[in-house]
């Protein structure tokens, strides 16, 4: 997934929603959750939230699988 400067507010908003939903207090804690074995379901929810109204993905489920199988998450 790619988010240019115009979409940063969207990305930040969606990430903050997920942090609150998961009761974590930092992006790093959220990152650790996403890469954990228990985080697979949360990763699917995040991808679903980020791909709403996006037609590049066939479905949120297939997108979540693609991201979880092929993406190395890096949060700066």
PDB file of N, CA and C in Angstrom:
ATOM      1  N   UNK A   1       0.839  -1.174   0.000  1.00  0.00           N
ATOM      2  CA  UNK A   1       0.000   0.000   0.000  1.00  0.00           C
ATOM      3  C   UNK A   1       0.885   1.238   0.000  1.00  0.00           C
ATOM      4  N   UNK A   2       0.421   2.248  -0.672  1.00  0.00           N
ATOM      5  CA  UNK A   2       1.158   3.503  -0.718  1.00  0.00           C
ATOM      6  C   UNK A   2       0.209   4.643  -0.353  1.00  0.00           C
ATOM      7  N   UNK A   3       0.668   5.511   0.535  1.00  0.00           N
ATOM      8  CA  UNK A   3      -0.095   6.693   0.919  1.00  0.00           C
ATOM      9  C   UNK A   3       0.777   7.912   0.665  1.00  0.00           C
ATOM     10  N   UNK A   4       0.347   8.770  -0.244  1.00  0.00           N
ATOM     11  CA  UNK A   4       1.126   9.980  -0.502  1.00  0.00           C
ATOM     12  C   UNK A   4       0.763  11.051   0.523  1.00  0.00           C
ATOM     13  N   UNK A   5       1.395  12.188   0.405  1.00  0.00           N
ATOM     14  CA  UNK A   5       1.206  13.286   1.371  1.00  0.00           C
ATOM     15  C   UNK A   5      -0.262  13.659   1.564  1.00  0.00           C
ATOM     16  N   UNK A   6      -1.032  13.590   0.493  1.00  0.00           N
ATOM     17  CA  UNK A   6      -2.447  13.982   0.581  1.00  0.00           C
ATOM     18  C   UNK A   6      -3.263  13.022   1.424  1.00  0.00           C
ATOM     19  N   UNK A   7      -2.781  11.808   1.611  1.00  0.00           N
ATOM     20  CA  UNK A   7      -3.538  10.781   2.343  1.00  0.00           C
ATOM     21  C   UNK A   7      -3.005  10.529   3.758  1.00  0.00           C
ATOM     22  N   UNK A   8      -2.021  11.297   4.181  1.00  0.00           N
ATOM     23  CA  UNK A   8      -1.441  11.062   5.499  1.00  0.00           C
ATOM     24  C   UNK A   8      -2.457  11.265   6.624  1.00  0.00           C
ATOM     25  N   UNK A   9      -3.324  12.253   6.488  1.00  0.00           N
ATOM     26  CA  UNK A   9      -4.342  12.472   7.517  1.00  0.00           C
ATOM     27  C   UNK A   9      -5.260  11.252   7.615  1.00  0.00           C
ATOM     28  N   UNK A  10      -5.663  10.716   6.474  1.00  0.00           N
ATOM     29  CA  UNK A  10      -6.491   9.507   6.445  1.00  0.00           C
ATOM     30  C   UNK A  10      -5.785   8.361   7.159  1.00  0.00           C
ATOM     31  N   UNK A  11      -4.518   8.137   6.825  1.00  0.00           N
ATOM     32  CA  UNK A  11      -3.755   7.053   7.429  1.00  0.00           C
ATOM     33  C   UNK A  11      -3.623   7.242   8.935  1.00  0.00           C
ATOM     34  N   UNK A  12      -3.294   8.448   9.345  1.00  0.00           N
ATOM     35  CA  UNK A  12      -3.150   8.726  10.778  1.00  0.00           C
ATOM     36  C   UNK A  12      -4.473   8.500  11.511  1.00  0.00           C
ATOM     37  N   UNK A  13      -5.566   8.974  10.945  1.00  0.00           N
ATOM     38  CA  UNK A  13      -6.879   8.796  11.559  1.00  0.00           C
ATOM     39  C   UNK A  13      -7.226   7.316  11.724  1.00  0.00           C
ATOM     40  N   UNK A  14      -7.020   6.546  10.677  1.00  0.00           N
ATOM     41  CA  UNK A  14      -7.351   5.113  10.737  1.00  0.00           C
ATOM     42  C   UNK A  14      -6.459   4.374  11.725  1.00  0.00           C
ATOM     43  N   UNK A  15      -5.186   4.712  11.771  1.00  0.00           N
ATOM     44  CA  UNK A  15      -4.286   4.072  12.735  1.00  0.00           C
ATOM     45  C   UNK A  15      -4.663   4.420  14.169  1.00  0.00           C
ATOM     46  N   UNK A  16      -4.965   5.688  14.412  1.00  0.00           N
ATOM     47  CA  UNK A  16      -5.351   6.089  15.773  1.00  0.00           C
ATOM     48  C   UNK A  16      -6.629   5.398  16.225  1.00  0.00           C
ATOM     49  N   UNK A  17      -7.557   5.208  15.320  1.00  0.00           N
ATOM     50  CA  UNK A  17      -8.787   4.462  15.659  1.00  0.00           C
ATOM     51  C   UNK A  17      -8.458   3.041  16.105  1.00  0.00           C
ATOM     52  N   UNK A  18      -7.556   2.389  15.371  1.00  0.00           N
ATOM     53  CA  UNK A  18      -7.191   1.020  15.712  1.00  0.00           C
ATOM     54  C   UNK A  18      -6.431   0.967  17.040  1.00  0.00           C
ATOM     55  N   UNK A  19      -5.560   1.943  17.303  1.00  0.00           N
ATOM     56  CA  UNK A  19      -4.854   1.980  18.576  1.00  0.00           C
ATOM     57  C   UNK A  19      -5.844   2.066  19.730  1.00  0.00           C
ATOM     58  N   UNK A  20      -6.824   2.949  19.599  1.00  0.00           N
ATOM     59  CA  UNK A  20      -7.826   3.098  20.656  1.00  0.00           C
ATOM     60  C   UNK A  20      -8.634   1.825  20.826  1.00  0.00           C
ATOM     61  N   UNK A  21      -9.021   1.219  19.725  1.00  0.00           N
ATOM     62  CA  UNK A  21      -9.812  -0.012  19.778  1.00  0.00           C
ATOM     63  C   UNK A  21      -9.048  -1.142  20.475  1.00  0.00           C
ATOM     64  N   UNK A  22      -7.749  -1.170  20.283  1.00  0.00           N
ATOM     65  CA  UNK A  22      -6.909  -2.226  20.869  1.00  0.00           C
ATOM     66  C   UNK A  22      -6.364  -1.865  22.245  1.00  0.00           C
ATOM     67  N   UNK A  23      -6.659  -0.650  22.681  1.00  0.00           N
ATOM     68  CA  UNK A  23      -6.201  -0.185  23.997  1.00  0.00           C
ATOM     69  C   UNK A  23      -4.677  -0.188  24.107  1.00  0.00           C
ATOM     70  N   UNK A  24      -4.013   0.285  23.056  1.00  0.00           N
ATOM     71  CA  UNK A  24      -2.557   0.453  23.113  1.00  0.00           C
ATOM     72  C   UNK A  24      -2.249   1.939  23.043  1.00  0.00           C
ATOM     73  N   UNK A  25      -1.123   2.319  23.617  1.00  0.00           N
ATOM     74  CA  UNK A  25      -0.840   3.745  23.785  1.00  0.00           C
ATOM     75  C   UNK A  25       0.264   4.294  22.890  1.00  0.00           C
ATOM     76  N   UNK A  26       0.785   3.463  21.984  1.00  0.00           N
ATOM     77  CA  UNK A  26       1.831   3.968  21.097  1.00  0.00           C
ATOM     78  C   UNK A  26       1.812   3.200  19.779  1.00  0.00           C
ATOM     79  N   UNK A  27       2.376   3.825  18.756  1.00  0.00           N
ATOM     80  CA  UNK A  27       2.478   3.148  17.478  1.00  0.00           C
ATOM     81  C   UNK A  27       3.389   1.927  17.580  1.00  0.00           C
ATOM     82  N   UNK A  28       4.430   2.046  18.395  1.00  0.00           N
ATOM     83  CA  UNK A  28       5.336   0.910  18.569  1.00  0.00           C
ATOM     84  C   UNK A  28       4.609  -0.280  19.193  1.00  0.00           C
ATOM     85  N   UNK A  29       3.787  -0.033  20.200  1.00  0.00           N
ATOM     86  CA  UNK A  29       3.020  -1.120  20.825  1.00  0.00           C
ATOM     87  C   UNK A  29       2.061  -1.746  19.817  1.00  0.00           C
ATOM     88  N   UNK A  30       1.472  -0.909  18.997  1.00  0.00           N
ATOM     89  CA  UNK A  30       0.560  -1.412  17.971  1.00  0.00           C
ATOM     90  C   UNK A  30       1.332  -2.248  16.946  1.00  0.00           C
ATOM     91  N   UNK A  31       2.485  -1.774  16.530  1.00  0.00           N
ATOM     92  CA  UNK A  31       3.343  -2.520  15.616  1.00  0.00           C
ATOM     93  C   UNK A  31       3.674  -3.889  16.201  1.00  0.00           C
ATOM     94  N   UNK A  32       4.055  -3.917  17.475  1.00  0.00           N
ATOM     95  CA  UNK A  32       4.392  -5.195  18.131  1.00  0.00           C
ATOM     96  C   UNK A  32       3.183  -6.134  18.123  1.00  0.00           C
ATOM     97  N   UNK A  33       1.992  -5.580  18.337  1.00  0.00           N
ATOM     98  CA  UNK A  33       0.785  -6.392  18.267  1.00  0.00           C
ATOM     99  C   UNK A  33       0.611  -6.965  16.864  1.00  0.00           C
ATOM    100  N   UNK A  34       0.763  -6.119  15.844  1.00  0.00           N
ATOM    101  CA  UNK A  34       0.551  -6.565  14.467  1.00  0.00           C
ATOM    102  C   UNK A  34       1.491  -7.689  14.042  1.00  0.00           C
ATOM    103  N   UNK A  35       2.725  -7.671  14.527  1.00  0.00           N
ATOM    104  CA  UNK A  35       3.673  -8.690  14.094  1.00  0.00           C
ATOM    105  C   UNK A  35       3.642  -9.941  14.971  1.00  0.00           C
ATOM    106  N   UNK A  36       2.850  -9.910  16.019  1.00  0.00           N
ATOM    107  CA  UNK A  36       2.750 -11.076  16.898  1.00  0.00           C
ATOM    108  C   UNK A  36       1.797 -12.113  16.288  1.00  0.00           C
ATOM    109  N   UNK A  37       1.897 -13.322  16.801  1.00  0.00           N
ATOM    110  CA  UNK A  37       1.007 -14.393  16.353  1.00  0.00           C
ATOM    111  C   UNK A  37      -0.458 -14.023  16.621  1.00  0.00           C
ATOM    112  N   UNK A  38      -0.700 -13.372  17.748  1.00  0.00           N
ATOM    113  CA  UNK A  38      -2.059 -12.982  18.113  1.00  0.00           C
ATOM    114  C   UNK A  38      -2.573 -11.810  17.268  1.00  0.00           C
ATOM    115  N   UNK A  39      -1.676 -11.131  16.582  1.00  0.00           N
ATOM    116  CA  UNK A  39      -2.048  -9.934  15.843  1.00  0.00           C
ATOM    117  C   UNK A  39      -2.601 -10.164  14.452  1.00  0.00           C
ATOM    118  N   UNK A  40      -2.697 -11.396  13.997  1.00  0.00           N
ATOM    119  CA  UNK A  40      -3.181 -11.665  12.642  1.00  0.00           C
ATOM    120  C   UNK A  40      -4.592 -11.129  12.426  1.00  0.00           C
ATOM    121  N   UNK A  41      -5.464 -11.306  13.390  1.00  0.00           N
ATOM    122  CA  UNK A  41      -6.835 -10.810  13.256  1.00  0.00           C
ATOM    123  C   UNK A  41      -6.848  -9.284  13.229  1.00  0.00           C
ATOM    124  N   UNK A  42      -6.005  -8.663  14.035  1.00  0.00           N
ATOM    125  CA  UNK A  42      -5.932  -7.197  14.045  1.00  0.00           C
ATOM    126  C   UNK A  42      -5.370  -6.682  12.726  1.00  0.00           C
ATOM    127  N   UNK A  43      -4.402  -7.368  12.170  1.00  0.00           N
ATOM    128  CA  UNK A  43      -3.851  -6.969  10.883  1.00  0.00           C
ATOM    129  C   UNK A  43      -4.949  -6.990   9.810  1.00  0.00           C
ATOM    130  N   UNK A  44      -5.781  -7.996   9.842  1.00  0.00           N
ATOM    131  CA  UNK A  44      -6.889  -8.074   8.890  1.00  0.00           C
ATOM    132  C   UNK A  44      -7.840  -6.893   9.077  1.00  0.00           C
ATOM    133  N   UNK A  45      -8.114  -6.525  10.323  1.00  0.00           N
ATOM    134  CA  UNK A  45      -8.995  -5.380  10.593  1.00  0.00           C
ATOM    135  C   UNK A  45      -8.363  -4.081  10.104  1.00  0.00           C
ATOM    136  N   UNK A  46      -7.063  -3.926  10.327  1.00  0.00           N
ATOM    137  CA  UNK A  46      -6.377  -2.722   9.864  1.00  0.00           C
ATOM    138  C   UNK A  46      -6.447  -2.612   8.346  1.00  0.00           C
ATOM    139  N   UNK A  47      -6.132  -3.684   7.663  1.00  0.00           N
ATOM    140  CA  UNK A  47      -6.167  -3.668   6.194  1.00  0.00           C
ATOM    141  C   UNK A  47      -7.576  -3.353   5.706  1.00  0.00           C
ATOM    142  N   UNK A  48      -8.568  -3.928   6.347  1.00  0.00           N
ATOM    143  CA  UNK A  48      -9.947  -3.641   5.965  1.00  0.00           C
ATOM    144  C   UNK A  48     -10.257  -2.157   6.128  1.00  0.00           C
ATOM    145  N   UNK A  49      -9.811  -1.580   7.236  1.00  0.00           N
ATOM    146  CA  UNK A  49     -10.045  -0.156   7.474  1.00  0.00           C
ATOM    147  C   UNK A  49      -9.303   0.723   6.475  1.00  0.00           C
ATOM    148  N   UNK A  50      -8.134   0.314   6.071  1.00  0.00           N
ATOM    149  CA  UNK A  50      -7.339   1.118   5.139  1.00  0.00           C
ATOM    150  C   UNK A  50      -7.784   0.967   3.693  1.00  0.00           C
ATOM    151  N   UNK A  51      -8.461  -0.116   3.388  1.00  0.00           N
ATOM    152  CA  UNK A  51      -8.852  -0.357   2.004  1.00  0.00           C
ATOM    153  C   UNK A  51     -10.322  -0.064   1.729  1.00  0.00           C
ATOM    154  N   UNK A  52     -11.028   0.495   2.678  1.00  0.00           N
ATOM    155  CA  UNK A  52     -12.417   0.890   2.445  1.00  0.00           C
ATOM    156  C   UNK A  52     -12.442   1.889   1.296  1.00  0.00           C
ATOM    157  N   UNK A  53     -13.307   1.660   0.353  1.00  0.00           N
ATOM    158  CA  UNK A  53     -13.455   2.499  -0.842  1.00  0.00           C
ATOM    159  C   UNK A  53     -12.271   2.423  -1.794  1.00  0.00           C
ATOM    160  N   UNK A  54     -11.433   1.450  -1.635  1.00  0.00           N
ATOM    161  CA  UNK A  54     -10.308   1.266  -2.551  1.00  0.00           C
ATOM    162  C   UNK A  54     -10.646   0.107  -3.474  1.00  0.00           C
ATOM    163  N   UNK A  55     -10.472   0.291  -4.747  1.00  0.00           N
ATOM    164  CA  UNK A  55     -10.794  -0.789  -5.669  1.00  0.00           C
ATOM    165  C   UNK A  55      -9.572  -1.552  -6.155  1.00  0.00           C
ATOM    166  N   UNK A  56      -8.399  -1.289  -5.598  1.00  0.00           N
ATOM    167  CA  UNK A  56      -7.204  -2.017  -5.995  1.00  0.00           C
ATOM    168  C   UNK A  56      -7.190  -3.440  -5.433  1.00  0.00           C
ATOM    169  N   UNK A  57      -7.978  -3.700  -4.410  1.00  0.00           N
ATOM    170  CA  UNK A  57      -7.999  -5.017  -3.787  1.00  0.00           C
ATOM    171  C   UNK A  57      -9.310  -5.718  -4.123  1.00  0.00           C
ATOM    172  N   UNK A  58      -9.217  -7.022  -4.351  1.00  0.00           N
ATOM    173  CA  UNK A  58     -10.422  -7.780  -4.658  1.00  0.00           C
ATOM    174  C   UNK A  58     -11.318  -7.901  -3.433  1.00  0.00           C
ATOM    175  N   UNK A  59     -10.720  -8.065  -2.290  1.00  0.00           N
ATOM    176  CA  UNK A  59     -11.493  -8.121  -1.045  1.00  0.00           C
ATOM    177  C   UNK A  59     -10.570  -7.814   0.111  1.00  0.00           C
ATOM    178  N   UNK A  60     -11.137  -7.391   1.212  1.00  0.00           N
ATOM    179  CA  UNK A  60     -10.327  -7.105   2.394  1.00  0.00           C
ATOM    180  C   UNK A  60      -9.644  -8.363   2.899  1.00  0.00           C
ATOM    181  N   UNK A  61     -10.323  -9.486   2.812  1.00  0.00           N
ATOM    182  CA  UNK A  61      -9.736 -10.724   3.301  1.00  0.00           C
ATOM    183  C   UNK A  61      -8.511 -11.112   2.471  1.00  0.00           C
ATOM    184  N   UNK A  62      -8.620 -11.042   1.159  1.00  0.00           N
ATOM    185  CA  UNK A  62      -7.467 -11.395   0.340  1.00  0.00           C
ATOM    186  C   UNK A  62      -6.349 -10.377   0.515  1.00  0.00           C
ATOM    187  N   UNK A  63      -6.711  -9.111   0.720  1.00  0.00           N
ATOM    188  CA  UNK A  63      -5.701  -8.079   0.960  1.00  0.00           C
ATOM    189  C   UNK A  63      -4.976  -8.346   2.268  1.00  0.00           C
ATOM    190  N   UNK A  64      -5.707  -8.702   3.296  1.00  0.00           N
ATOM    191  CA  UNK A  64      -5.091  -8.990   4.589  1.00  0.00           C
ATOM    192  C   UNK A  64      -4.131 -10.171   4.466  1.00  0.00           C
ATOM    193  N   UNK A  65      -4.541 -11.185   3.743  1.00  0.00           N
ATOM    194  CA  UNK A  65      -3.676 -12.339   3.546  1.00  0.00           C
ATOM    195  C   UNK A  65      -2.415 -11.932   2.784  1.00  0.00           C
ATOM    196  N   UNK A  66      -2.589 -11.153   1.732  1.00  0.00           N
ATOM    197  CA  UNK A  66      -1.454 -10.695   0.951  1.00  0.00           C
ATOM    198  C   UNK A  66      -0.480  -9.890   1.809  1.00  0.00           C
ATOM    199  N   UNK A  67      -1.007  -8.955   2.582  1.00  0.00           N
ATOM    200  CA  UNK A  67      -0.146  -8.125   3.427  1.00  0.00           C
ATOM    201  C   UNK A  67       0.540  -8.961   4.487  1.00  0.00           C
ATOM    202  N   UNK A  68      -0.195  -9.827   5.137  1.00  0.00           N
ATOM    203  CA  UNK A  68       0.406 -10.608   6.219  1.00  0.00           C
ATOM    204  C   UNK A  68       1.442 -11.598   5.713  1.00  0.00           C
ATOM    205  N   UNK A  69       1.312 -12.065   4.468  1.00  0.00           N
ATOM    206  CA  UNK A  69       2.245 -13.047   3.934  1.00  0.00           C
ATOM    207  C   UNK A  69       3.449 -12.415   3.253  1.00  0.00           C
ATOM    208  N   UNK A  70       3.330 -11.173   2.796  1.00  0.00           N
ATOM    209  CA  UNK A  70       4.398 -10.626   1.968  1.00  0.00           C
ATOM    210  C   UNK A  70       5.021  -9.338   2.462  1.00  0.00           C
ATOM    211  N   UNK A  71       4.447  -8.716   3.460  1.00  0.00           N
ATOM    212  CA  UNK A  71       4.924  -7.400   3.858  1.00  0.00           C
ATOM    213  C   UNK A  71       5.737  -7.468   5.142  1.00  0.00           C
ATOM    214  N   UNK A  72       6.847  -6.807   5.118  1.00  0.00           N
ATOM    215  CA  UNK A  72       7.643  -6.627   6.326  1.00  0.00           C
ATOM    216  C   UNK A  72       7.280  -5.261   6.869  1.00  0.00           C
ATOM    217  N   UNK A  73       6.649  -5.214   8.025  1.00  0.00           N
ATOM    218  CA  UNK A  73       6.187  -3.946   8.599  1.00  0.00           C
ATOM    219  C   UNK A  73       7.360  -3.170   9.163  1.00  0.00           C
ATOM    220  N   UNK A  74       7.424  -1.911   8.832  1.00  0.00           N
ATOM    221  CA  UNK A  74       8.461  -1.029   9.374  1.00  0.00           C
ATOM    222  C   UNK A  74       7.817   0.263   9.805  1.00  0.00           C
ATOM    223  N   UNK A  75       7.929   0.570  11.059  1.00  0.00           N
ATOM    224  CA  UNK A  75       7.400   1.823  11.593  1.00  0.00           C
ATOM    225  C   UNK A  75       8.569   2.629  12.132  1.00  0.00           C
ATOM    226  N   UNK A  76       8.698   3.810  11.627  1.00  0.00           N
ATOM    227  CA  UNK A  76       9.813   4.677  12.030  1.00  0.00           C
ATOM    228  C   UNK A  76       9.453   5.473  13.258  1.00  0.00           C
TER     229      UNK A  76
END
